[in-house]
Amino acid sequence: MLKNNLKYISLLLVLLMMSCAKRGSITGGLKDTLAPVLRYSSPKNFSTDFKANEITLTFDEYVKLKNTNKQLIISPPMKYEPVILPSNASKVITIKIKDTLQPNTTYSLNFGQSITDNNEGNAYNQFKYIFSTGSYIDSLALGGRIKDSYEKTPDNFVSVMLYEVNDTFKDSVVYKQNPRYITNTLDSLQTFRLENLKAGKYLLVALKDKGSNNKFNPKDDKIGFIKQHITIPNDTVYEIELFKEVLPLKAFKPIQASGNKLYLPYEGKQNFKNSKPQVVLQNNGETLETIITQFPKKDSLQVWYKPLKADSLSMEITKDSYNKKFTFKVKDQKKDSLNITAVQNGNINFRDRFTLETTTPLVKFDKSKIRLVNKDSVAVDFTTEYDEFEQKLYVDFKKEPLEKYNATFFPGALTDFFEKTNDTLIYKLSTKEHSDFANLKLNLINVKRFPIIVELTNKKGDAVLASAYSEGQTELEFNLLEPNAFTVRIIYDDNKNKIYDTGNYLEKRYSEEVFYSQKEIDVRANWDWVEPLDVSIPYNPEQDRKDAAKKKKDDQKKKKSF
């Protein structure tokens, strides 16, 4: 009986084990992490006296091509792109050359990370097929790094080009011709390396080439360059700063926006605040009174004029050597009316000025009809400033902590261009305690020259949170800041116009020099923080990435320990 029971129990255990095995899934072994391997190519890689019009690459496994339009870099560029087949998975890649190759030239086809295995997507990193139409392979190289002249981090997919300087060379070559050699930073690099170069004299240029045509289009592209022609071979590590040129003014036909306003579109990011164009609007030869303002967030000016009956108007735009005339029809349309909006609603920070934005431009201010009082109804002294171009009225006054203010604009305090006045406007403002804010003192070390613009920006550098202008002072105080993590940006204002000025390729003019601090300054409420800042140690994006990766790794370790 016991033996029979043992048999039944043993059989039951075997069945249970088989059942468990059936429920499991087949793992297929370890995950493939190896990149494809090139078995052979025809003609062979690094061939000389190359005369073929087709190249075949054979791999040890099925591969597929991914993003060749971005990843594949052919140097020198070919006028007609080669046809690369197949589009599906295969062990063989065929490259059909459609262009006439230059004599005695070394060609490089760098596939970047576009060749991957079919199953796991492991990339054959930076595979290059190289050949020469001459008797030897050029072997010289040149390297460097890319940065942006103004932005904190440079763009990716930046093309770096060499143009041969010979008897026919002109600076305009970047607009019209392909470079002799080209490489690209792709999507993860800020460094570049040009290889398989021949000795000679060259123009070194970098492009954020939005059109992907290897030619500089100032309207869309950023450019960087080295002023002096470079000679190869040399062992210099070049740093190229990309910038976006300010295009020469080009106005387009005005558009009627209302019965008293025209839009004047223009090309390029113009600095009109310091130097507006002259705009003359006429009706049958009679000059009309106008006010010119900026259309917010658009490349257009607003031309305000008094309502009138007319079938057509003429406009002449003049700025420096630029002159353009338009004649256009107008219709009877609804007129813009005065509307006033407060930028601050409720709380106002100590560093801010109370700001009103108007839909129509103002022309008169009656301070006697503006009243500012605190919570005890005691009058508070104030000043006003009007920015006509931006259509903003600033009211500035000394703000006390934990105070409440009432700003009243009685009828007739503000009059716009069309002689319309405000109704009674009442705004309630309040302040917080000083302890809710932070004070920061910057001690700048190794400043190269003055004057400088010093800005506290957010982490990305795309928003200015506080600024100061220094003509020699190295200790700068930023008091009553909202708690935040700041990056410091310093602009060397060489032309002393108090704004950043970009470069120009044809004028061989670099942008004004810009410095970013490597680390953020994290200031907290009720802190008085003193920060020494060595301006000779600039921001390094690569170091920033390493620090971020280390922080992420440390955070993961902390989570595991809990």
Protein backbone atom coordinates (compact mmCIF):
# COMPACT_ATOMS: atom_id res chain seq x y z
CA MET A 1 0.00 0.00 0.00
CA LEU A 2 2.80 2.41 0.96
CA LYS A 3 4.66 1.57 -2.26
CA ASN A 4 1.57 2.27 -4.32
CA ASN A 5 1.09 5.61 -2.55
CA LEU A 6 4.70 6.55 -3.24
CA LYS A 7 4.20 5.71 -6.92
CA TYR A 8 1.12 7.90 -7.14
CA ILE A 9 2.88 10.76 -5.33
CA SER A 10 5.95 10.50 -7.62
CA LEU A 11 3.70 10.48 -10.71
CA LEU A 12 1.82 13.51 -9.41
CA LEU A 13 5.08 15.45 -8.84
CA VAL A 14 6.27 14.64 -12.38
CA LEU A 15 2.96 15.88 -13.83
CA LEU A 16 3.19 19.07 -11.78
CA MET A 17 6.72 19.72 -12.99
CA MET A 18 5.66 19.17 -16.61
CA SER A 19 2.71 21.50 -16.11
CA CYS A 20 4.98 24.22 -14.72
CA ALA A 21 7.35 23.76 -17.63
CA LYS A 22 4.49 24.18 -20.11
CA ARG A 23 3.49 27.50 -18.55
CA GLY A 24 6.97 28.97 -18.97
CA SER A 25 8.05 31.00 -22.04
CA ILE A 26 11.04 30.34 -24.25
CA THR A 27 13.56 33.15 -23.78
CA GLY A 28 15.59 32.38 -26.89
CA GLY A 29 18.85 32.84 -25.02
CA LEU A 30 20.78 36.05 -24.38
CA LYS A 31 19.75 39.25 -26.16
CA ASP A 32 21.79 40.06 -29.27
CA THR A 33 23.86 43.18 -28.53
CA LEU A 34 26.42 42.83 -31.32
CA ALA A 35 26.50 45.11 -34.34
CA PRO A 36 26.54 43.67 -37.86
CA VAL A 37 29.93 42.78 -39.33
CA LEU A 38 30.98 43.61 -42.90
CA ARG A 39 32.08 40.35 -44.54
CA TYR A 40 33.35 41.85 -47.79
CA SER A 41 32.79 44.69 -50.21
CA SER A 42 33.16 45.12 -53.94
CA PRO A 43 35.20 47.05 -54.88
CA LYS A 44 37.18 46.65 -51.68
CA ASN A 45 37.04 49.37 -49.04
CA PHE A 46 39.95 51.85 -49.44
CA SER A 47 40.28 51.08 -53.16
CA THR A 48 42.39 53.35 -55.35
CA ASP A 49 42.00 54.15 -59.06
CA PHE A 50 38.28 53.65 -58.48
CA LYS A 51 36.22 53.45 -61.69
CA ALA A 52 33.12 51.51 -60.63
CA ASN A 53 29.57 52.87 -60.71
CA GLU A 54 28.21 50.35 -58.21
CA ILE A 55 29.36 49.25 -54.74
CA THR A 56 28.10 46.18 -52.88
CA LEU A 57 28.48 45.67 -49.13
CA THR A 58 27.86 42.16 -47.75
CA PHE A 59 27.21 41.62 -44.02
CA ASP A 60 27.17 38.60 -41.72
CA GLU A 61 23.45 39.02 -40.95
CA TYR A 62 20.34 40.73 -42.23
CA VAL A 63 20.61 44.50 -41.94
CA LYS A 64 18.32 47.45 -42.66
CA LEU A 65 18.93 51.10 -43.39
CA LYS A 66 17.54 53.74 -41.05
CA ASN A 67 17.45 57.55 -41.55
CA THR A 68 20.09 57.55 -44.29
CA ASN A 69 18.81 60.96 -45.38
CA LYS A 70 20.14 62.37 -42.09
CA GLN A 71 22.87 59.92 -41.14
CA LEU A 72 24.72 59.34 -44.43
CA ILE A 73 27.47 61.89 -45.08
CA ILE A 74 29.18 61.84 -48.48
CA SER A 75 32.40 63.84 -48.73
CA PRO A 76 32.98 65.53 -51.12
CA PRO A 77 29.22 65.92 -51.72
CA MET A 78 27.90 64.49 -54.97
CA LYS A 79 25.66 66.58 -57.22
CA TYR A 80 23.40 63.58 -57.75
CA GLU A 81 22.83 61.45 -54.65
CA PRO A 82 23.63 57.74 -55.08
CA VAL A 83 20.77 55.24 -55.01
CA ILE A 84 21.07 52.89 -52.02
CA LEU A 85 19.15 49.59 -52.07
CA PRO A 86 17.30 47.67 -50.82
CA SER A 87 14.78 49.43 -48.58
CA ASN A 88 13.95 46.19 -46.76
CA ALA A 89 16.09 43.82 -44.71
CA SER A 90 18.95 42.16 -46.60
CA LYS A 91 22.48 40.90 -46.14
CA VAL A 92 23.64 42.97 -49.13
CA ILE A 93 23.52 46.78 -49.57
CA THR A 94 24.00 48.15 -53.07
CA ILE A 95 25.18 51.72 -53.75
CA LYS A 96 24.60 52.94 -57.31
CA ILE A 97 26.65 56.04 -58.16
CA LYS A 98 24.78 58.49 -60.39
CA ASP A 99 27.32 61.33 -60.41
CA THR A 100 30.52 61.87 -62.40
CA LEU A 101 33.33 61.51 -59.89
CA GLN A 102 36.12 64.08 -59.66
CA PRO A 103 39.60 62.91 -60.70
CA ASN A 104 42.32 62.27 -58.10
CA THR A 105 39.85 62.66 -55.25
CA THR A 106 39.32 60.65 -52.09
CA TYR A 107 35.63 59.99 -51.36
CA SER A 108 34.18 59.02 -47.99
CA LEU A 109 30.69 57.57 -47.42
CA ASN A 110 30.05 57.72 -43.68
CA PHE A 111 26.84 55.88 -42.80
CA GLY A 112 26.75 57.19 -39.23
CA GLN A 113 24.36 54.88 -37.36
CA SER A 114 22.07 54.15 -40.29
CA ILE A 115 23.12 50.48 -40.77
CA THR A 116 21.50 48.31 -38.08
CA ASP A 117 20.82 44.61 -37.67
CA ASN A 118 17.27 43.59 -38.54
CA ASN A 119 16.25 42.04 -35.22
CA GLU A 120 17.59 44.19 -32.37
CA GLY A 121 18.52 47.41 -34.18
CA ASN A 122 22.18 47.28 -33.14
CA ALA A 123 23.97 49.95 -35.17
CA TYR A 124 27.20 49.53 -37.12
CA ASN A 125 28.56 52.74 -35.65
CA GLN A 126 30.19 55.25 -38.05
CA PHE A 127 30.85 52.73 -40.81
CA LYS A 128 32.82 54.36 -43.63
CA TYR A 129 33.36 53.22 -47.17
CA ILE A 130 36.34 55.07 -48.64
CA PHE A 131 37.80 55.07 -52.12
CA SER A 132 39.99 57.24 -54.32
CA THR A 133 39.74 58.02 -58.01
CA GLY A 134 43.50 58.64 -57.87
CA SER A 135 46.47 56.47 -57.04
CA TYR A 136 46.37 57.00 -53.25
CA ILE A 137 43.99 57.69 -50.35
CA ASP A 138 44.26 61.17 -48.85
CA SER A 139 44.92 60.75 -45.13
CA LEU A 140 45.02 64.21 -43.52
CA ALA A 141 42.41 65.22 -40.91
CA LEU A 142 41.01 68.24 -39.10
CA GLY A 143 38.95 68.46 -35.92
CA GLY A 144 37.19 70.85 -33.59
CA ARG A 145 33.97 71.63 -31.77
CA ILE A 146 30.77 73.52 -32.44
CA LYS A 147 29.14 76.04 -30.12
CA ASP A 148 26.36 78.57 -30.49
CA SER A 149 27.25 82.24 -30.29
CA TYR A 150 24.19 83.05 -28.16
CA GLU A 151 22.28 79.91 -27.15
CA LYS A 152 23.47 77.82 -24.24
CA THR A 153 23.71 74.59 -26.25
CA PRO A 154 24.39 74.28 -29.99
CA ASP A 155 22.10 72.65 -32.54
CA ASN A 156 22.56 69.07 -33.58
CA PHE A 157 23.02 67.92 -37.19
CA VAL A 158 25.43 70.75 -37.98
CA SER A 159 27.35 70.45 -41.27
CA VAL A 160 31.06 71.36 -41.18
CA MET A 161 32.56 72.21 -44.56
CA LEU A 162 35.86 72.95 -46.25
CA TYR A 163 36.00 75.03 -49.44
CA GLU A 164 39.22 74.90 -51.42
CA VAL A 165 40.88 78.32 -51.77
CA ASN A 166 42.26 78.51 -55.29
CA ASP A 167 42.50 81.04 -58.13
CA THR A 168 38.72 81.05 -58.68
CA PHE A 169 37.75 81.21 -54.99
CA LYS A 170 35.26 83.88 -53.84
CA ASP A 171 33.58 84.31 -50.46
CA SER A 172 30.20 83.89 -52.19
CA VAL A 173 31.05 80.21 -52.75
CA VAL A 174 29.03 79.26 -49.63
CA TYR A 175 25.83 80.49 -51.31
CA LYS A 176 26.36 78.80 -54.68
CA GLN A 177 28.58 75.72 -54.61
CA ASN A 178 29.06 72.48 -52.76
CA PRO A 179 32.08 72.30 -50.43
CA ARG A 180 35.14 70.24 -51.23
CA TYR A 181 34.77 68.26 -47.97
CA ILE A 182 31.91 67.87 -45.52
CA THR A 183 31.05 66.14 -42.26
CA ASN A 184 28.17 66.42 -39.78
CA THR A 185 27.86 66.43 -36.00
CA LEU A 186 24.73 64.23 -36.26
CA ASP A 187 22.32 64.07 -33.33
CA SER A 188 24.58 63.50 -30.35
CA LEU A 189 27.85 65.32 -30.94
CA GLN A 190 29.18 68.84 -30.60
CA THR A 191 32.56 67.83 -31.96
CA PHE A 192 33.51 67.25 -35.58
CA ARG A 193 36.27 65.56 -37.52
CA LEU A 194 37.00 65.90 -41.24
CA GLU A 195 39.11 63.04 -42.56
CA ASN A 196 40.74 61.87 -45.79
CA LEU A 197 41.70 65.42 -46.72
CA LYS A 198 44.43 66.51 -49.09
CA ALA A 199 46.94 69.25 -48.27
CA GLY A 200 45.96 72.77 -49.23
CA LYS A 201 44.37 76.07 -48.21
CA TYR A 202 40.69 76.11 -47.22
CA LEU A 203 37.77 78.15 -45.90
CA LEU A 204 36.29 76.43 -42.83
CA VAL A 205 32.53 76.91 -42.39
CA ALA A 206 29.76 75.35 -40.26
CA LEU A 207 26.06 75.42 -41.21
CA LYS A 208 22.82 74.50 -39.52
CA ASP A 209 21.59 73.63 -42.99
CA LYS A 210 17.79 73.55 -42.79
CA GLY A 211 17.43 73.06 -46.53
CA SER A 212 19.91 70.14 -46.53
CA ASN A 213 21.40 71.43 -49.79
CA ASN A 214 24.94 72.25 -48.58
CA LYS A 215 24.45 75.95 -49.39
CA PHE A 216 24.03 78.92 -47.07
CA ASN A 217 20.55 80.44 -47.02
CA PRO A 218 20.71 83.41 -44.59
CA LYS A 219 16.93 83.46 -44.24
CA ASP A 220 16.82 80.01 -42.63
CA ASP A 221 20.34 78.85 -41.77
CA LYS A 222 22.80 79.56 -38.99
CA ILE A 223 26.43 79.92 -40.04
CA GLY A 224 29.82 79.89 -38.35
CA PHE A 225 33.25 80.40 -39.88
CA ILE A 226 36.95 80.93 -39.25
CA LYS A 227 38.00 84.34 -40.58
CA GLN A 228 41.46 83.36 -41.73
CA HIS A 229 41.87 80.69 -44.38
CA ILE A 230 43.31 77.55 -42.83
CA THR A 231 46.14 75.41 -44.15
CA ILE A 232 46.14 71.62 -44.00
CA PRO A 233 48.00 69.86 -42.49
CA ASN A 234 47.85 71.47 -39.06
CA ASP A 235 47.02 70.25 -35.58
CA THR A 236 44.80 73.14 -34.44
CA VAL A 237 41.53 72.19 -32.75
CA TYR A 238 39.07 74.73 -34.13
CA GLU A 239 36.04 76.14 -32.32
CA ILE A 240 33.29 77.42 -34.61
CA GLU A 241 30.43 79.57 -33.30
CA LEU A 242 27.08 79.38 -35.08
CA PHE A 243 24.94 82.51 -35.37
CA LYS A 244 21.85 83.68 -37.23
CA GLU A 245 22.44 86.75 -39.35
CA VAL A 246 20.14 89.76 -39.15
CA LEU A 247 18.87 90.03 -42.69
CA PRO A 248 18.82 93.36 -44.50
CA LEU A 249 15.41 94.98 -44.26
CA LYS A 250 12.93 93.78 -46.86
CA ALA A 251 9.35 95.02 -46.55
CA PHE A 252 6.34 93.38 -48.15
CA LYS A 253 3.04 94.80 -49.33
CA PRO A 254 0.99 96.29 -46.46
CA ILE A 255 -2.12 94.46 -45.29
CA GLN A 256 -5.17 96.33 -44.04
CA ALA A 257 -5.95 95.06 -40.53
CA SER A 258 -8.76 97.47 -39.61
CA GLY A 259 -10.16 100.88 -40.48
CA ASN A 260 -7.23 102.61 -38.74
CA LYS A 261 -4.36 100.12 -38.84
CA LEU A 262 -2.12 98.46 -41.42
CA TYR A 263 0.25 95.55 -41.00
CA LEU A 264 3.65 95.99 -42.67
CA PRO A 265 5.33 92.57 -42.93
CA TYR A 266 9.11 92.49 -43.13
CA GLU A 267 11.85 89.92 -43.46
CA GLY A 268 14.35 89.17 -40.72
CA LYS A 269 14.61 89.87 -37.01
CA GLN A 270 15.23 93.60 -37.14
CA ASN A 271 16.27 95.67 -34.11
CA PHE A 272 13.70 98.41 -34.65
CA LYS A 273 13.56 99.48 -31.02
CA ASN A 274 16.77 101.46 -31.35
CA SER A 275 16.36 102.38 -35.00
CA LYS A 276 12.91 102.27 -36.58
CA PRO A 277 12.47 102.67 -40.34
CA GLN A 278 10.89 105.84 -41.65
CA VAL A 279 7.37 105.07 -42.88
CA VAL A 280 5.50 107.69 -44.92
CA LEU A 281 1.80 107.02 -45.59
CA GLN A 282 0.07 109.18 -48.19
CA ASN A 283 -3.39 109.72 -49.62
CA ASN A 284 -3.29 111.38 -53.07
CA GLY A 285 0.10 112.92 -52.25
CA GLU A 286 -0.98 114.20 -48.81
CA THR A 287 1.13 112.78 -45.97
CA LEU A 288 -0.94 111.23 -43.18
CA GLU A 289 -0.05 111.32 -39.49
CA THR A 290 1.03 107.87 -38.34
CA ILE A 291 2.44 105.98 -35.36
CA ILE A 292 4.60 102.88 -35.90
CA THR A 293 4.51 100.04 -33.34
CA GLN A 294 5.59 96.40 -33.21
CA PHE A 295 3.05 93.66 -33.93
CA PRO A 296 3.69 91.36 -30.91
CA LYS A 297 5.53 88.11 -31.69
CA LYS A 298 5.33 88.69 -35.47
CA ASP A 299 7.73 89.98 -38.12
CA SER A 300 5.38 92.88 -38.88
CA LEU A 301 5.03 96.51 -37.95
CA GLN A 302 1.69 98.15 -37.14
CA VAL A 303 1.07 101.41 -38.97
CA TRP A 304 -1.64 103.43 -37.23
CA TYR A 305 -3.44 106.22 -39.09
CA LYS A 306 -6.52 108.39 -38.52
CA PRO A 307 -9.66 106.99 -40.20
CA LEU A 308 -10.41 108.51 -43.58
CA LYS A 309 -12.34 107.86 -46.77
CA ALA A 310 -10.06 106.65 -49.53
CA ASP A 311 -9.92 103.99 -52.21
CA SER A 312 -6.17 103.51 -52.04
CA LEU A 313 -3.10 104.66 -50.12
CA SER A 314 0.61 104.74 -50.86
CA MET A 315 3.46 103.92 -48.48
CA GLU A 316 7.21 104.52 -48.65
CA ILE A 317 9.62 102.71 -46.30
CA THR A 318 13.18 103.98 -45.82
CA LYS A 319 15.96 102.69 -43.59
CA ASP A 320 19.64 103.37 -44.25
CA SER A 321 20.10 102.58 -47.97
CA TYR A 322 16.85 100.62 -48.26
CA ASN A 323 13.82 102.20 -49.96
CA LYS A 324 10.57 100.60 -51.02
CA LYS A 325 7.23 102.02 -52.24
CA PHE A 326 3.79 100.42 -52.29
CA THR A 327 0.36 101.42 -53.51
CA PHE A 328 -2.59 99.40 -52.23
CA LYS A 329 -6.37 99.53 -51.95
CA VAL A 330 -8.19 100.06 -48.66
CA LYS A 331 -11.76 99.39 -47.59
CA ASP A 332 -14.07 100.80 -44.96
CA GLN A 333 -13.54 98.46 -41.99
CA LYS A 334 -14.23 98.39 -38.28
CA LYS A 335 -11.87 100.63 -36.27
CA ASP A 336 -9.69 99.54 -33.35
CA SER A 337 -10.79 100.95 -30.01
CA LEU A 338 -8.85 101.68 -26.82
CA ASN A 339 -8.58 98.74 -24.47
CA ILE A 340 -6.22 98.58 -21.49
CA THR A 341 -4.94 95.44 -19.76
CA ALA A 342 -2.78 95.13 -16.63
CA VAL A 343 0.18 92.74 -16.89
CA GLN A 344 0.26 92.18 -13.10
CA ASN A 345 -2.88 90.88 -11.47
CA GLY A 346 -2.89 90.99 -7.66
CA ASN A 347 0.68 90.29 -6.52
CA ILE A 348 3.50 92.47 -7.81
CA ASN A 349 7.17 91.66 -7.29
CA PHE A 350 9.52 94.23 -5.81
CA ARG A 351 11.70 94.25 -8.95
CA ASP A 352 8.81 94.80 -11.37
CA ARG A 353 7.16 97.94 -12.61
CA PHE A 354 3.38 97.98 -12.77
CA THR A 355 2.64 97.63 -16.49
CA LEU A 356 -0.39 98.42 -18.64
CA GLU A 357 -0.69 97.23 -22.23
CA THR A 358 -2.88 99.13 -24.68
CA THR A 359 -4.54 97.96 -27.88
CA THR A 360 -4.06 101.38 -29.48
CA PRO A 361 -1.04 103.68 -29.03
CA LEU A 362 -1.25 106.36 -26.34
CA VAL A 363 -0.26 109.99 -26.93
CA LYS A 364 -1.25 111.87 -23.74
CA PHE A 365 -0.93 111.21 -20.00
CA ASP A 366 -2.50 113.34 -17.29
CA LYS A 367 -0.67 112.44 -14.08
CA SER A 368 -3.13 114.52 -12.04
CA LYS A 369 -5.80 111.97 -12.96
CA ILE A 370 -3.75 108.99 -11.78
CA ARG A 371 -3.82 108.17 -8.06
CA LEU A 372 -1.75 105.56 -6.23
CA VAL A 373 -2.41 104.94 -2.51
CA ASN A 374 -1.42 102.30 0.03
CA LYS A 375 -3.77 100.37 2.33
CA ASP A 376 -3.94 103.38 4.69
CA SER A 377 -5.05 105.58 1.76
CA VAL A 378 -1.76 107.48 1.91
CA ALA A 379 -0.64 108.74 -1.51
CA VAL A 380 2.43 107.00 -2.95
CA ASP A 381 4.77 108.87 -5.25
CA PHE A 382 5.26 107.31 -8.68
CA THR A 383 6.75 107.90 -12.12
CA THR A 384 5.47 106.88 -15.54
CA GLU A 385 7.23 105.83 -18.71
CA TYR A 386 5.59 104.93 -22.00
CA ASP A 387 7.15 102.60 -24.57
CA GLU A 388 5.35 103.64 -27.74
CA PHE A 389 6.90 100.92 -29.91
CA GLU A 390 5.71 98.15 -27.56
CA GLN A 391 2.54 100.04 -26.47
CA LYS A 392 3.29 99.60 -22.77
CA LEU A 393 2.85 102.11 -19.94
CA TYR A 394 5.13 101.56 -16.93
CA VAL A 395 4.22 102.91 -13.48
CA ASP A 396 7.15 102.72 -11.07
CA PHE A 397 7.06 103.29 -7.29
CA LYS A 398 8.81 102.16 -4.13
CA LYS A 399 7.17 99.01 -2.83
CA GLU A 400 7.00 98.16 0.86
CA PRO A 401 6.68 94.59 2.18
CA LEU A 402 3.21 93.22 3.03
CA GLU A 403 1.57 96.30 1.59
CA LYS A 404 -1.54 96.78 -0.49
CA TYR A 405 -1.89 99.43 -3.19
CA ASN A 406 -4.76 100.84 -5.20
CA ALA A 407 -3.96 102.38 -8.59
CA THR A 408 -6.81 104.45 -10.00
CA PHE A 409 -6.86 105.92 -13.49
CA PHE A 410 -9.69 108.46 -13.60
CA PRO A 411 -11.45 109.31 -16.89
CA GLY A 412 -9.14 111.23 -19.22
CA ALA A 413 -5.90 110.03 -17.58
CA LEU A 414 -4.91 108.27 -20.81
CA THR A 415 -5.62 109.46 -24.35
CA ASP A 416 -4.86 107.40 -27.42
CA PHE A 417 -3.89 108.39 -30.96
CA PHE A 418 -7.56 108.54 -31.96
CA GLU A 419 -8.43 110.92 -29.06
CA LYS A 420 -10.25 108.20 -27.15
CA THR A 421 -9.83 108.24 -23.37
CA ASN A 422 -10.15 105.70 -20.62
CA ASP A 423 -13.06 105.12 -18.29
CA THR A 424 -12.27 104.77 -14.58
CA LEU A 425 -9.76 101.95 -14.08
CA ILE A 426 -8.94 100.53 -10.64
CA TYR A 427 -6.16 98.00 -10.03
CA LYS A 428 -5.39 96.33 -6.70
CA LEU A 429 -1.81 95.30 -6.05
CA SER A 430 -0.13 93.64 -3.07
CA THR A 431 3.41 92.70 -2.06
CA LYS A 432 4.85 89.80 -0.09
CA GLU A 433 7.45 89.85 2.69
CA HIS A 434 11.11 90.45 1.90
CA SER A 435 11.81 87.03 3.42
CA ASP A 436 9.89 85.40 0.56
CA PHE A 437 12.65 86.51 -1.80
CA ALA A 438 16.39 86.07 -2.14
CA ASN A 439 19.36 88.42 -2.55
CA LEU A 440 22.27 87.48 -4.80
CA LYS A 441 25.65 89.20 -5.08
CA LEU A 442 27.82 88.18 -8.03
CA ASN A 443 31.57 88.67 -7.71
CA LEU A 444 32.87 88.47 -11.27
CA ILE A 445 36.47 87.27 -11.74
CA ASN A 446 38.61 87.55 -14.91
CA VAL A 447 36.24 89.74 -16.91
CA LYS A 448 38.01 90.34 -20.24
CA ARG A 449 36.72 93.84 -20.95
CA PHE A 450 33.84 96.24 -20.39
CA PRO A 451 31.01 97.11 -20.81
CA ILE A 452 29.10 93.89 -20.22
CA ILE A 453 25.46 92.87 -20.02
CA VAL A 454 24.89 90.47 -17.12
CA GLU A 455 21.71 88.39 -17.25
CA LEU A 456 20.21 85.83 -14.93
CA THR A 457 18.35 83.32 -17.08
CA ASN A 458 16.41 80.11 -16.55
CA LYS A 459 18.17 76.77 -17.00
CA LYS A 460 17.77 76.69 -20.81
CA GLY A 461 18.83 80.32 -21.19
CA ASP A 462 15.71 81.25 -23.17
CA ALA A 463 14.15 83.59 -20.57
CA VAL A 464 15.84 86.55 -18.86
CA LEU A 465 14.73 86.82 -15.22
CA ALA A 466 16.97 89.74 -14.15
CA SER A 467 19.69 91.82 -15.77
CA ALA A 468 22.32 94.50 -15.07
CA TYR A 469 24.74 96.59 -17.14
CA SER A 470 28.30 97.12 -15.97
CA GLU A 471 30.88 99.53 -17.35
CA GLY A 472 33.55 98.39 -14.91
CA GLN A 473 31.92 97.12 -11.74
CA THR A 474 32.62 93.47 -10.89
CA GLU A 475 30.37 93.22 -7.82
CA LEU A 476 26.73 93.20 -8.92
CA GLU A 477 23.73 92.88 -6.63
CA PHE A 478 20.43 91.31 -7.63
CA ASN A 479 18.13 91.85 -4.70
CA LEU A 480 14.60 90.57 -4.03
CA LEU A 481 14.73 87.79 -6.58
CA GLU A 482 12.07 85.13 -6.76
CA PRO A 483 13.65 81.86 -5.55
CA ASN A 484 14.92 79.98 -8.57
CA ALA A 485 17.87 78.20 -10.16
CA PHE A 486 19.69 80.74 -12.34
CA THR A 487 22.21 80.48 -15.13
CA VAL A 488 24.43 83.53 -15.62
CA ARG A 489 24.86 84.88 -19.14
CA ILE A 490 27.38 87.64 -19.83
CA ILE A 491 27.46 89.52 -23.13
CA TYR A 492 30.54 91.56 -24.02
CA ASP A 493 28.84 94.67 -25.41
CA ASP A 494 31.69 95.80 -27.64
CA ASN A 495 29.67 98.41 -29.57
CA LYS A 496 28.08 99.73 -26.33
CA ASN A 497 24.49 99.65 -27.58
CA LYS A 498 23.26 97.58 -24.60
CA ILE A 499 21.98 94.67 -26.70
CA TYR A 500 23.51 91.48 -28.13
CA ASP A 501 24.67 91.84 -31.74
CA THR A 502 25.02 88.87 -34.05
CA GLY A 503 27.67 88.35 -36.74
CA ASN A 504 27.81 88.64 -40.52
CA TYR A 505 29.52 86.24 -42.90
CA LEU A 506 30.34 88.57 -45.81
CA GLU A 507 31.55 91.30 -43.46
CA LYS A 508 33.73 88.66 -41.73
CA ARG A 509 32.30 89.82 -38.40
CA TYR A 510 31.82 87.48 -35.47
CA SER A 511 28.96 87.84 -33.01
CA GLU A 512 29.56 89.63 -29.73
CA GLU A 513 31.13 87.24 -27.26
CA VAL A 514 28.75 85.48 -24.86
CA PHE A 515 29.63 83.60 -21.67
CA TYR A 516 27.44 81.08 -19.79
CA SER A 517 28.22 79.87 -16.29
CA GLN A 518 28.95 76.16 -16.02
CA LYS A 519 26.84 75.62 -12.92
CA GLU A 520 23.47 76.95 -11.90
CA ILE A 521 23.06 79.24 -8.91
CA ASP A 522 20.18 77.98 -6.79
CA VAL A 523 18.92 80.79 -4.58
CA ARG A 524 16.23 80.23 -1.97
CA ALA A 525 13.81 82.36 -0.06
CA ASN A 526 15.30 84.50 2.75
CA TRP A 527 18.87 83.89 1.53
CA ASP A 528 21.66 86.42 1.08
CA TRP A 529 23.90 84.58 -1.34
CA VAL A 530 27.38 85.62 -2.50
CA GLU A 531 28.60 83.84 -5.63
CA PRO A 532 32.16 84.17 -7.02
CA LEU A 533 32.05 83.56 -10.77
CA ASP A 534 35.20 82.99 -12.83
CA VAL A 535 34.33 84.24 -16.32
CA SER A 536 37.34 82.43 -17.80
CA ILE A 537 35.65 79.03 -17.21
CA PRO A 538 32.80 78.81 -19.73
CA TYR A 539 29.86 76.45 -19.89
CA ASN A 540 30.69 73.00 -21.27
CA PRO A 541 27.65 71.07 -22.59
CA GLU A 542 29.56 67.78 -22.44
CA GLN A 543 30.34 68.29 -18.76
CA ASP A 544 26.70 69.21 -18.17
CA ARG A 545 25.58 65.91 -19.70
CA LYS A 546 28.09 63.96 -17.61
CA ASP A 547 26.92 65.69 -14.43
CA ALA A 548 23.28 64.99 -15.31
CA ALA A 549 24.05 61.32 -16.01
CA LYS A 550 25.95 61.00 -12.71
CA LYS A 551 23.08 62.62 -10.79
CA LYS A 552 20.60 60.23 -12.41
CA LYS A 553 22.79 57.26 -11.49
CA ASP A 554 23.20 58.47 -7.90
CA ASP A 555 19.43 58.98 -7.59
CA GLN A 556 18.81 55.44 -8.80
CA LYS A 557 21.27 54.08 -6.22
CA LYS A 558 19.47 56.01 -3.48
CA LYS A 559 16.11 54.54 -4.53
CA LYS A 560 17.56 50.99 -4.46
CA SER A 561 19.03 51.55 -1.00
CA PHE A 562 15.56 52.36 0.32
